[in-house]
Amino acid sequence: MASERMADGAGAQGRGGPEDDGRPEPGDPARDESLGLMARGPAGPSALPPRPLDAIDRDILQILQTDGRASIRSVAERVHVSRANAYARINRLVGDGVIRGFGARIDHERAGQGASAYITLKIVQNSWRTVREQLRALPGAAHIALVSGDFDVLLLVHSPDNRALRELVLTRLQAIPEVLSTRTLLVFEEDHLYPEP
């Protein structure tokens, strides 16, 4: 039933009431389940080869990057396909791991996370999987990447203030046995490159 409601743009009501535009609430289990998001675990994208995207798929991705709460009806109208076609394409993009989820864009400073930093880590060889799991558990960890170059891991964290950031680095990060060294780069100002609405 949830998939039928989503196909016509009226399912998983956003704000409720007769004026509702069909936008589902973020994290609505009915929407997530109908789009297959519950099946995707924290392991990230699968090892499937990349699927070629056509112009309509790319347009759908652009729309959803700009407004992840866009209704199926709205997406279909904007890319000039039927609601069923738009629904099937979005479902396929989710199933193929092209779309890994839907979320909100957060202003970390306004959300009480005023101190941000990129932290570089040198780690013991072949310890990436172990270290990654421990980094995921850190409060405020926003992005973790295994990289090449002078260090092994790049970590982006958001914390309430410099004291909390210092505690995170000196107490939590440096207590991980596989972490050999860290370097902290404070973020003074940032600009997210989100698509324009």
N, C-alpha and C. Protein backbone atom coordinates (compact mmCIF):
# COMPACT_ATOMS: atom_id res chain seq x y z
N MET A 1 0.80 -1.19 0.00
CA MET A 1 0.00 0.00 0.00
C MET A 1 0.85 1.26 0.00
N ALA A 2 1.94 1.26 0.78
CA ALA A 2 2.80 2.45 0.83
C ALA A 2 3.34 2.76 -0.55
N SER A 3 3.70 1.72 -1.32
CA SER A 3 4.26 1.98 -2.64
C SER A 3 3.20 2.54 -3.58
N GLU A 4 1.94 2.10 -3.42
CA GLU A 4 0.88 2.64 -4.26
C GLU A 4 0.64 4.11 -3.92
N ARG A 5 0.66 4.45 -2.64
CA ARG A 5 0.47 5.84 -2.25
C ARG A 5 1.62 6.70 -2.75
N MET A 6 2.86 6.19 -2.68
CA MET A 6 4.00 6.95 -3.15
C MET A 6 3.93 7.17 -4.66
N ALA A 7 3.42 6.17 -5.38
CA ALA A 7 3.37 6.27 -6.83
C ALA A 7 2.50 7.43 -7.28
N ASP A 8 1.43 7.73 -6.51
CA ASP A 8 0.60 8.84 -6.93
C ASP A 8 0.93 10.13 -6.18
N GLY A 9 2.02 10.11 -5.41
CA GLY A 9 2.49 11.32 -4.75
C GLY A 9 1.72 11.68 -3.50
N ALA A 10 0.80 10.83 -3.03
CA ALA A 10 -0.01 11.18 -1.89
C ALA A 10 0.34 10.40 -0.65
N GLY A 11 1.29 9.52 -0.70
CA GLY A 11 1.60 8.67 0.45
C GLY A 11 2.54 9.30 1.43
N ALA A 12 2.64 8.69 2.58
CA ALA A 12 3.55 9.13 3.64
C ALA A 12 3.43 10.63 3.84
N GLN A 13 2.26 11.07 4.26
CA GLN A 13 1.94 12.48 4.33
C GLN A 13 2.98 13.30 5.06
N GLY A 14 3.31 14.46 4.50
CA GLY A 14 4.34 15.33 5.07
C GLY A 14 3.83 16.11 6.26
N ARG A 15 2.87 17.00 6.02
CA ARG A 15 2.39 17.84 7.12
C ARG A 15 0.95 17.50 7.49
N GLY A 16 0.32 16.64 6.74
CA GLY A 16 -1.05 16.24 7.03
C GLY A 16 -2.04 17.29 6.58
N GLY A 17 -3.33 16.92 6.56
CA GLY A 17 -4.36 17.87 6.20
C GLY A 17 -4.58 17.93 4.70
N PRO A 18 -5.68 18.58 4.30
CA PRO A 18 -6.04 18.62 2.89
C PRO A 18 -5.07 19.45 2.05
N GLU A 19 -4.30 20.38 2.67
CA GLU A 19 -3.37 21.20 1.90
C GLU A 19 -2.04 20.50 1.67
N ASP A 20 -1.89 19.30 2.15
CA ASP A 20 -0.62 18.59 2.07
C ASP A 20 -0.19 18.46 0.62
N ASP A 21 1.10 18.72 0.37
CA ASP A 21 1.63 18.63 -0.99
C ASP A 21 2.18 17.25 -1.30
N GLY A 22 1.97 16.27 -0.42
CA GLY A 22 2.42 14.91 -0.68
C GLY A 22 3.86 14.66 -0.30
N ARG A 23 4.52 15.65 0.32
CA ARG A 23 5.91 15.46 0.72
C ARG A 23 5.97 14.64 2.00
N PRO A 24 6.71 13.56 2.00
CA PRO A 24 6.85 12.76 3.22
C PRO A 24 7.80 13.42 4.20
N GLU A 25 7.59 13.13 5.46
CA GLU A 25 8.50 13.61 6.49
C GLU A 25 9.84 12.92 6.34
N PRO A 26 10.96 13.61 6.61
CA PRO A 26 12.26 12.94 6.55
C PRO A 26 12.29 11.78 7.54
N GLY A 27 12.84 10.67 7.10
CA GLY A 27 12.97 9.51 7.97
C GLY A 27 11.67 8.74 8.16
N ASP A 28 10.61 9.08 7.40
CA ASP A 28 9.33 8.37 7.52
C ASP A 28 9.56 6.91 7.14
N PRO A 29 9.32 5.96 8.08
CA PRO A 29 9.60 4.55 7.79
C PRO A 29 8.84 4.03 6.58
N ALA A 30 7.61 4.50 6.36
CA ALA A 30 6.85 4.03 5.21
C ALA A 30 7.54 4.42 3.91
N ARG A 31 8.05 5.66 3.86
CA ARG A 31 8.74 6.12 2.66
C ARG A 31 10.07 5.39 2.51
N ASP A 32 10.82 5.32 3.57
CA ASP A 32 12.12 4.66 3.50
C ASP A 32 11.97 3.21 3.07
N GLU A 33 10.96 2.52 3.64
CA GLU A 33 10.76 1.12 3.30
C GLU A 33 10.33 0.99 1.84
N SER A 34 9.42 1.88 1.39
CA SER A 34 8.95 1.78 0.02
C SER A 34 10.06 2.05 -0.98
N LEU A 35 11.05 2.85 -0.59
CA LEU A 35 12.17 3.13 -1.49
C LEU A 35 13.34 2.18 -1.27
N GLY A 36 13.19 1.21 -0.36
CA GLY A 36 14.24 0.24 -0.16
C GLY A 36 15.37 0.72 0.72
N LEU A 37 15.18 1.84 1.45
CA LEU A 37 16.27 2.38 2.26
C LEU A 37 16.56 1.54 3.48
N MET A 38 15.58 0.80 3.98
CA MET A 38 15.80 0.00 5.17
C MET A 38 16.77 -1.14 4.88
N ALA A 39 16.82 -1.59 3.64
CA ALA A 39 17.67 -2.71 3.29
C ALA A 39 19.15 -2.32 3.22
N ARG A 40 19.44 -1.03 3.10
CA ARG A 40 20.81 -0.59 2.97
C ARG A 40 21.41 -0.42 4.35
N GLY A 41 22.45 -1.12 4.61
CA GLY A 41 23.10 -1.05 5.91
C GLY A 41 24.16 0.01 5.95
N PRO A 42 24.87 0.14 7.09
CA PRO A 42 25.88 1.15 7.23
C PRO A 42 27.14 0.86 6.41
N ALA A 43 27.19 -0.31 5.78
CA ALA A 43 28.39 -0.67 5.02
C ALA A 43 28.55 0.16 3.76
N GLY A 44 27.50 0.91 3.36
CA GLY A 44 27.63 1.76 2.19
C GLY A 44 27.25 1.04 0.92
N PRO A 45 27.70 1.56 -0.21
CA PRO A 45 27.30 1.00 -1.49
C PRO A 45 27.85 -0.40 -1.68
N SER A 46 27.10 -1.18 -2.44
CA SER A 46 27.53 -2.55 -2.69
C SER A 46 28.65 -2.56 -3.73
N ALA A 47 29.16 -3.73 -4.01
CA ALA A 47 30.26 -3.89 -4.95
C ALA A 47 29.75 -4.04 -6.38
N LEU A 48 28.50 -3.67 -6.64
CA LEU A 48 27.97 -3.77 -7.99
C LEU A 48 28.68 -2.77 -8.89
N PRO A 49 28.84 -3.11 -10.18
CA PRO A 49 29.46 -2.14 -11.10
C PRO A 49 28.52 -0.95 -11.28
N PRO A 50 29.08 0.23 -11.56
CA PRO A 50 28.22 1.41 -11.75
C PRO A 50 27.25 1.21 -12.91
N ARG A 51 26.03 1.65 -12.69
CA ARG A 51 25.01 1.55 -13.74
C ARG A 51 25.02 2.85 -14.53
N PRO A 52 25.02 2.77 -15.86
CA PRO A 52 24.99 4.01 -16.63
C PRO A 52 23.69 4.76 -16.37
N LEU A 53 23.80 6.06 -16.22
CA LEU A 53 22.63 6.90 -15.97
C LEU A 53 22.29 7.67 -17.23
N ASP A 54 21.00 7.75 -17.55
CA ASP A 54 20.61 8.57 -18.69
C ASP A 54 20.29 9.99 -18.20
N ALA A 55 19.89 10.85 -19.11
CA ALA A 55 19.65 12.26 -18.78
C ALA A 55 18.52 12.40 -17.76
N ILE A 56 17.51 11.56 -17.85
CA ILE A 56 16.39 11.65 -16.90
C ILE A 56 16.86 11.25 -15.50
N ASP A 57 17.66 10.18 -15.41
CA ASP A 57 18.21 9.78 -14.10
C ASP A 57 19.02 10.93 -13.50
N ARG A 58 19.86 11.57 -14.30
CA ARG A 58 20.69 12.67 -13.80
C ARG A 58 19.82 13.84 -13.35
N ASP A 59 18.74 14.12 -14.10
CA ASP A 59 17.82 15.20 -13.70
C ASP A 59 17.14 14.86 -12.37
N ILE A 60 16.74 13.61 -12.21
CA ILE A 60 16.11 13.18 -10.95
C ILE A 60 17.09 13.35 -9.80
N LEU A 61 18.34 12.95 -10.00
CA LEU A 61 19.34 13.10 -8.95
C LEU A 61 19.54 14.57 -8.59
N GLN A 62 19.57 15.44 -9.58
CA GLN A 62 19.72 16.89 -9.33
C GLN A 62 18.56 17.42 -8.50
N ILE A 63 17.35 17.01 -8.86
CA ILE A 63 16.16 17.46 -8.13
C ILE A 63 16.22 16.99 -6.68
N LEU A 64 16.56 15.71 -6.46
CA LEU A 64 16.57 15.16 -5.11
C LEU A 64 17.74 15.69 -4.28
N GLN A 65 18.86 16.08 -4.93
CA GLN A 65 19.94 16.71 -4.18
C GLN A 65 19.53 18.09 -3.72
N THR A 66 18.74 18.78 -4.52
CA THR A 66 18.27 20.11 -4.17
C THR A 66 17.16 20.03 -3.12
N ASP A 67 16.26 19.08 -3.29
CA ASP A 67 15.13 18.92 -2.38
C ASP A 67 14.83 17.43 -2.20
N GLY A 68 15.43 16.83 -1.18
CA GLY A 68 15.25 15.41 -0.92
C GLY A 68 13.83 15.04 -0.51
N ARG A 69 13.02 16.05 -0.21
CA ARG A 69 11.63 15.79 0.18
C ARG A 69 10.65 15.98 -0.97
N ALA A 70 11.16 16.18 -2.18
CA ALA A 70 10.27 16.37 -3.33
C ALA A 70 9.38 15.14 -3.49
N SER A 71 8.12 15.37 -3.77
CA SER A 71 7.19 14.26 -3.96
C SER A 71 7.44 13.58 -5.30
N ILE A 72 6.99 12.35 -5.42
CA ILE A 72 7.11 11.62 -6.68
C ILE A 72 6.39 12.40 -7.78
N ARG A 73 5.24 12.94 -7.46
CA ARG A 73 4.46 13.71 -8.44
C ARG A 73 5.28 14.89 -8.96
N SER A 74 5.90 15.63 -8.03
CA SER A 74 6.71 16.79 -8.42
C SER A 74 7.89 16.38 -9.29
N VAL A 75 8.58 15.33 -8.89
CA VAL A 75 9.73 14.86 -9.67
C VAL A 75 9.28 14.46 -11.07
N ALA A 76 8.19 13.71 -11.17
CA ALA A 76 7.69 13.25 -12.47
C ALA A 76 7.35 14.42 -13.38
N GLU A 77 6.68 15.42 -12.83
CA GLU A 77 6.31 16.59 -13.63
C GLU A 77 7.55 17.33 -14.12
N ARG A 78 8.55 17.45 -13.28
CA ARG A 78 9.74 18.23 -13.64
C ARG A 78 10.64 17.52 -14.65
N VAL A 79 10.61 16.19 -14.69
CA VAL A 79 11.43 15.47 -15.69
C VAL A 79 10.58 14.94 -16.85
N HIS A 80 9.28 15.27 -16.84
CA HIS A 80 8.37 14.95 -17.93
C HIS A 80 8.23 13.44 -18.18
N VAL A 81 8.01 12.70 -17.08
CA VAL A 81 7.69 11.28 -17.17
C VAL A 81 6.48 11.01 -16.29
N SER A 82 5.92 9.81 -16.41
CA SER A 82 4.78 9.46 -15.57
C SER A 82 5.24 9.26 -14.12
N ARG A 83 4.29 9.33 -13.20
CA ARG A 83 4.64 9.09 -11.78
C ARG A 83 5.18 7.67 -11.61
N ALA A 84 4.59 6.71 -12.29
CA ALA A 84 5.06 5.32 -12.17
C ALA A 84 6.50 5.20 -12.66
N ASN A 85 6.82 5.89 -13.75
CA ASN A 85 8.19 5.84 -14.28
C ASN A 85 9.16 6.52 -13.30
N ALA A 86 8.77 7.67 -12.77
CA ALA A 86 9.63 8.37 -11.80
C ALA A 86 9.85 7.50 -10.57
N TYR A 87 8.77 6.89 -10.08
CA TYR A 87 8.88 6.03 -8.91
C TYR A 87 9.83 4.86 -9.18
N ALA A 88 9.66 4.22 -10.34
CA ALA A 88 10.51 3.07 -10.69
C ALA A 88 11.97 3.49 -10.82
N ARG A 89 12.21 4.66 -11.40
CA ARG A 89 13.59 5.14 -11.56
C ARG A 89 14.23 5.43 -10.19
N ILE A 90 13.49 6.11 -9.31
CA ILE A 90 14.03 6.42 -7.99
C ILE A 90 14.28 5.13 -7.22
N ASN A 91 13.34 4.21 -7.29
CA ASN A 91 13.51 2.93 -6.61
C ASN A 91 14.74 2.20 -7.14
N ARG A 92 14.95 2.24 -8.45
CA ARG A 92 16.11 1.58 -9.05
C ARG A 92 17.41 2.29 -8.62
N LEU A 93 17.40 3.61 -8.58
CA LEU A 93 18.59 4.36 -8.15
C LEU A 93 18.93 4.03 -6.69
N VAL A 94 17.91 3.85 -5.87
CA VAL A 94 18.14 3.44 -4.48
C VAL A 94 18.66 2.00 -4.43
N GLY A 95 18.00 1.12 -5.15
CA GLY A 95 18.39 -0.29 -5.15
C GLY A 95 19.79 -0.52 -5.67
N ASP A 96 20.21 0.29 -6.65
CA ASP A 96 21.55 0.17 -7.23
C ASP A 96 22.62 0.85 -6.37
N GLY A 97 22.19 1.53 -5.31
CA GLY A 97 23.16 2.19 -4.44
C GLY A 97 23.61 3.56 -4.94
N VAL A 98 22.97 4.07 -6.00
CA VAL A 98 23.31 5.41 -6.48
C VAL A 98 22.81 6.43 -5.46
N ILE A 99 21.58 6.26 -5.01
CA ILE A 99 21.03 7.07 -3.92
C ILE A 99 21.20 6.24 -2.66
N ARG A 100 21.96 6.77 -1.72
CA ARG A 100 22.26 6.02 -0.50
C ARG A 100 21.37 6.42 0.66
N GLY A 101 20.52 7.40 0.48
CA GLY A 101 19.62 7.82 1.54
C GLY A 101 19.19 9.25 1.32
N PHE A 102 18.34 9.74 2.21
CA PHE A 102 17.83 11.09 2.15
C PHE A 102 18.08 11.74 3.50
N GLY A 103 18.47 12.99 3.51
CA GLY A 103 18.77 13.63 4.79
C GLY A 103 18.57 15.12 4.74
N ALA A 104 18.87 15.75 5.87
CA ALA A 104 18.73 17.20 6.00
C ALA A 104 20.11 17.85 5.95
N ARG A 105 20.17 19.06 5.43
CA ARG A 105 21.39 19.85 5.45
C ARG A 105 21.41 20.64 6.74
N ILE A 106 22.43 20.44 7.53
CA ILE A 106 22.49 21.02 8.86
C ILE A 106 23.46 22.19 8.90
N ASP A 107 23.06 23.28 9.52
CA ASP A 107 23.98 24.36 9.85
C ASP A 107 24.54 23.99 11.22
N HIS A 108 25.74 23.44 11.25
CA HIS A 108 26.29 22.89 12.49
C HIS A 108 26.48 23.95 13.56
N GLU A 109 26.83 25.15 13.17
CA GLU A 109 27.01 26.21 14.16
C GLU A 109 25.69 26.54 14.85
N ARG A 110 24.62 26.68 14.06
CA ARG A 110 23.30 26.98 14.64
C ARG A 110 22.76 25.80 15.44
N ALA A 111 23.27 24.59 15.15
CA ALA A 111 22.83 23.40 15.87
C ALA A 111 23.69 23.13 17.10
N GLY A 112 24.52 24.10 17.48
CA GLY A 112 25.32 23.95 18.70
C GLY A 112 26.62 23.20 18.49
N GLN A 113 27.03 23.05 17.25
CA GLN A 113 28.30 22.38 16.93
C GLN A 113 29.22 23.41 16.28
N GLY A 114 29.65 24.40 17.04
CA GLY A 114 30.38 25.55 16.51
C GLY A 114 31.82 25.32 16.16
N ALA A 115 32.42 24.23 16.58
CA ALA A 115 33.82 23.95 16.26
C ALA A 115 33.89 22.76 15.31
N SER A 116 34.52 22.96 14.16
CA SER A 116 34.68 21.88 13.18
C SER A 116 36.15 21.75 12.86
N ALA A 117 36.57 20.54 12.52
CA ALA A 117 37.97 20.32 12.17
C ALA A 117 38.09 19.12 11.25
N TYR A 118 39.08 19.20 10.38
CA TYR A 118 39.53 18.04 9.63
C TYR A 118 40.71 17.48 10.42
N ILE A 119 40.69 16.20 10.65
CA ILE A 119 41.77 15.56 11.40
C ILE A 119 42.39 14.51 10.50
N THR A 120 43.70 14.61 10.32
CA THR A 120 44.40 13.59 9.54
C THR A 120 44.99 12.58 10.51
N LEU A 121 44.96 11.32 10.12
CA LEU A 121 45.47 10.24 10.96
C LEU A 121 46.44 9.37 10.18
N LYS A 122 47.51 9.00 10.82
CA LYS A 122 48.36 7.92 10.32
C LYS A 122 48.01 6.71 11.16
N ILE A 123 47.78 5.59 10.48
CA ILE A 123 47.33 4.39 11.19
C ILE A 123 48.24 3.21 10.86
N VAL A 124 48.16 2.19 11.70
CA VAL A 124 48.91 0.95 11.48
C VAL A 124 48.46 0.34 10.16
N GLN A 125 49.40 -0.16 9.39
CA GLN A 125 49.10 -0.77 8.11
C GLN A 125 48.06 -1.89 8.27
N ASN A 126 47.12 -1.95 7.35
CA ASN A 126 46.05 -2.96 7.32
C ASN A 126 45.08 -2.88 8.50
N SER A 127 44.96 -1.71 9.12
CA SER A 127 44.03 -1.58 10.24
C SER A 127 42.82 -0.71 9.89
N TRP A 128 42.65 -0.37 8.61
CA TRP A 128 41.59 0.55 8.18
C TRP A 128 40.21 0.13 8.68
N ARG A 129 39.83 -1.12 8.50
CA ARG A 129 38.47 -1.55 8.88
C ARG A 129 38.25 -1.41 10.37
N THR A 130 39.23 -1.77 11.16
CA THR A 130 39.12 -1.65 12.62
C THR A 130 39.01 -0.18 13.02
N VAL A 131 39.89 0.64 12.46
CA VAL A 131 39.89 2.07 12.79
C VAL A 131 38.59 2.72 12.34
N ARG A 132 38.12 2.39 11.14
CA ARG A 132 36.89 2.98 10.62
C ARG A 132 35.72 2.75 11.57
N GLU A 133 35.59 1.54 12.08
CA GLU A 133 34.49 1.25 13.00
C GLU A 133 34.58 2.08 14.28
N GLN A 134 35.79 2.30 14.77
CA GLN A 134 35.95 3.11 15.98
C GLN A 134 35.70 4.59 15.70
N LEU A 135 36.07 5.06 14.51
CA LEU A 135 35.82 6.46 14.15
C LEU A 135 34.33 6.72 13.96
N ARG A 136 33.61 5.75 13.44
CA ARG A 136 32.15 5.91 13.26
C ARG A 136 31.45 6.15 14.59
N ALA A 137 32.02 5.61 15.66
CA ALA A 137 31.39 5.74 16.98
C ALA A 137 31.71 7.07 17.66
N LEU A 138 32.59 7.88 17.08
CA LEU A 138 32.96 9.14 17.71
C LEU A 138 31.82 10.15 17.61
N PRO A 139 31.57 10.90 18.68
CA PRO A 139 30.54 11.94 18.60
C PRO A 139 30.96 13.03 17.63
N GLY A 140 30.06 13.40 16.73
CA GLY A 140 30.33 14.49 15.80
C GLY A 140 31.08 14.09 14.55
N ALA A 141 31.43 12.81 14.40
CA ALA A 141 32.12 12.39 13.17
C ALA A 141 31.15 12.53 12.00
N ALA A 142 31.58 13.28 10.97
CA ALA A 142 30.70 13.56 9.84
C ALA A 142 31.16 12.91 8.55
N HIS A 143 32.47 12.70 8.40
CA HIS A 143 33.00 12.13 7.17
C HIS A 143 34.31 11.43 7.48
N ILE A 144 34.47 10.24 6.94
CA ILE A 144 35.69 9.45 7.14
C ILE A 144 36.13 8.95 5.77
N ALA A 145 37.42 9.15 5.45
CA ALA A 145 37.92 8.69 4.15
C ALA A 145 39.31 8.10 4.30
N LEU A 146 39.53 6.97 3.65
CA LEU A 146 40.86 6.39 3.51
C LEU A 146 41.48 7.06 2.29
N VAL A 147 42.65 7.67 2.45
CA VAL A 147 43.24 8.47 1.39
C VAL A 147 44.69 8.07 1.14
N SER A 148 45.24 8.58 0.05
CA SER A 148 46.66 8.36 -0.22
C SER A 148 47.42 9.63 0.16
N GLY A 149 48.73 9.53 0.27
CA GLY A 149 49.53 10.71 0.56
C GLY A 149 50.28 10.58 1.87
N ASP A 150 50.48 11.72 2.52
CA ASP A 150 51.29 11.77 3.74
C ASP A 150 50.57 11.20 4.96
N PHE A 151 49.27 11.03 4.88
CA PHE A 151 48.51 10.44 5.99
C PHE A 151 47.55 9.42 5.40
N ASP A 152 46.90 8.66 6.26
CA ASP A 152 46.08 7.54 5.80
C ASP A 152 44.58 7.82 5.82
N VAL A 153 44.13 8.59 6.81
CA VAL A 153 42.70 8.80 7.01
C VAL A 153 42.43 10.29 7.17
N LEU A 154 41.33 10.75 6.57
CA LEU A 154 40.86 12.11 6.74
C LEU A 154 39.51 12.03 7.43
N LEU A 155 39.39 12.73 8.55
CA LEU A 155 38.18 12.69 9.37
C LEU A 155 37.65 14.10 9.55
N LEU A 156 36.38 14.32 9.30
CA LEU A 156 35.73 15.60 9.57
C LEU A 156 34.86 15.44 10.80
N VAL A 157 35.05 16.31 11.78
CA VAL A 157 34.24 16.26 13.00
C VAL A 157 33.64 17.63 13.30
N HIS A 158 32.48 17.61 13.94
CA HIS A 158 31.82 18.81 14.43
C HIS A 158 31.65 18.63 15.93
N SER A 159 31.99 19.66 16.70
CA SER A 159 31.84 19.56 18.15
C SER A 159 31.32 20.89 18.70
N PRO A 160 30.83 20.88 19.92
CA PRO A 160 30.25 22.11 20.47
C PRO A 160 31.26 23.26 20.59
N ASP A 161 32.50 22.95 20.95
CA ASP A 161 33.49 24.00 21.14
C ASP A 161 34.90 23.39 21.07
N ASN A 162 35.91 24.24 21.19
CA ASN A 162 37.29 23.76 21.09
C ASN A 162 37.67 22.82 22.23
N ARG A 163 37.09 23.03 23.39
CA ARG A 163 37.37 22.14 24.52
C ARG A 163 36.90 20.71 24.21
N ALA A 164 35.69 20.59 23.67
CA ALA A 164 35.17 19.27 23.30
C ALA A 164 35.99 18.66 22.17
N LEU A 165 36.43 19.50 21.25
CA LEU A 165 37.26 19.03 20.15
C LEU A 165 38.61 18.51 20.67
N ARG A 166 39.21 19.26 21.58
CA ARG A 166 40.48 18.83 22.17
C ARG A 166 40.31 17.50 22.90
N GLU A 167 39.23 17.35 23.63
CA GLU A 167 38.95 16.11 24.35
C GLU A 167 38.80 14.94 23.38
N LEU A 168 38.12 15.20 22.28
CA LEU A 168 37.93 14.16 21.27
C LEU A 168 39.28 13.69 20.71
N VAL A 169 40.14 14.64 20.38
CA VAL A 169 41.43 14.28 19.79
C VAL A 169 42.36 13.65 20.81
N LEU A 170 42.53 14.31 21.94
CA LEU A 170 43.53 13.84 22.91
C LEU A 170 43.09 12.60 23.69
N THR A 171 41.80 12.48 23.94
CA THR A 171 41.33 11.36 24.75
C THR A 171 40.81 10.20 23.91
N ARG A 172 39.94 10.50 22.95
CA ARG A 172 39.29 9.43 22.19
C ARG A 172 40.15 8.93 21.03
N LEU A 173 40.60 9.85 20.17
CA LEU A 173 41.34 9.43 18.98
C LEU A 173 42.69 8.81 19.33
N GLN A 174 43.44 9.48 20.16
CA GLN A 174 44.78 9.00 20.46
C GLN A 174 44.77 7.77 21.37
N ALA A 175 43.61 7.40 21.87
CA ALA A 175 43.48 6.17 22.66
C ALA A 175 43.26 4.94 21.78
N ILE A 176 43.00 5.17 20.49
CA ILE A 176 42.82 4.04 19.57
C ILE A 176 44.21 3.47 19.27
N PRO A 177 44.46 2.21 19.62
CA PRO A 177 45.81 1.65 19.49
C PRO A 177 46.38 1.71 18.07
N GLU A 178 45.54 1.61 17.06
CA GLU A 178 46.01 1.59 15.67
C GLU A 178 46.34 2.98 15.13
N VAL A 179 45.99 4.03 15.87
CA VAL A 179 46.28 5.40 15.43
C VAL A 179 47.69 5.76 15.88
N LEU A 180 48.57 6.01 14.90
CA LEU A 180 49.96 6.33 15.19
C LEU A 180 50.16 7.82 15.47
N SER A 181 49.47 8.68 14.71
CA SER A 181 49.58 10.12 14.94
C SER A 181 48.37 10.82 14.33
N THR A 182 48.13 12.05 14.79
CA THR A 182 47.03 12.86 14.28
C THR A 182 47.52 14.28 14.04
N ARG A 183 46.82 14.97 13.17
CA ARG A 183 47.04 16.40 12.96
C ARG A 183 45.67 17.03 12.80
N THR A 184 45.41 18.09 13.53
CA THR A 184 44.10 18.72 13.54
C THR A 184 44.14 20.04 12.78
N LEU A 185 43.22 20.20 11.83
CA LEU A 185 43.10 21.41 11.03
C LEU A 185 41.75 22.05 11.35
N LEU A 186 41.76 23.14 12.10
CA LEU A 186 40.51 23.81 12.47
C LEU A 186 39.86 24.45 11.25
N VAL A 187 38.56 24.37 11.18
CA VAL A 187 37.80 25.00 10.10
C VAL A 187 37.35 26.37 10.59
N PHE A 188 37.78 27.43 9.92
CA PHE A 188 37.38 28.79 10.29
C PHE A 188 36.09 29.21 9.60
N GLU A 189 35.93 28.75 8.38
CA GLU A 189 34.73 29.08 7.61
C GLU A 189 34.55 28.01 6.56
N GLU A 190 33.31 27.66 6.25
CA GLU A 190 33.07 26.65 5.23
C GLU A 190 31.88 27.04 4.37
N ASP A 191 31.85 26.51 3.18
CA ASP A 191 30.77 26.77 2.24
C ASP A 191 30.42 25.44 1.56
N HIS A 192 29.21 24.98 1.77
CA HIS A 192 28.77 23.72 1.16
C HIS A 192 28.34 23.98 -0.27
N LEU A 193 28.72 23.11 -1.15
CA LEU A 193 28.43 23.28 -2.57
C LEU A 193 27.19 22.48 -2.96
N TYR A 194 26.08 22.81 -2.32
CA TYR A 194 24.82 22.13 -2.64
C TYR A 194 24.26 22.69 -3.96
N PRO A 195 23.54 21.86 -4.71
CA PRO A 195 22.89 22.39 -5.91
C PRO A 195 21.91 23.49 -5.54
N GLU A 196 21.82 24.48 -6.40
CA GLU A 196 20.88 25.59 -6.18
C GLU A 196 19.45 25.12 -6.43
N PRO A 197 18.51 25.56 -5.57
CA PRO A 197 17.10 25.19 -5.80
C PRO A 197 16.53 25.84 -7.04
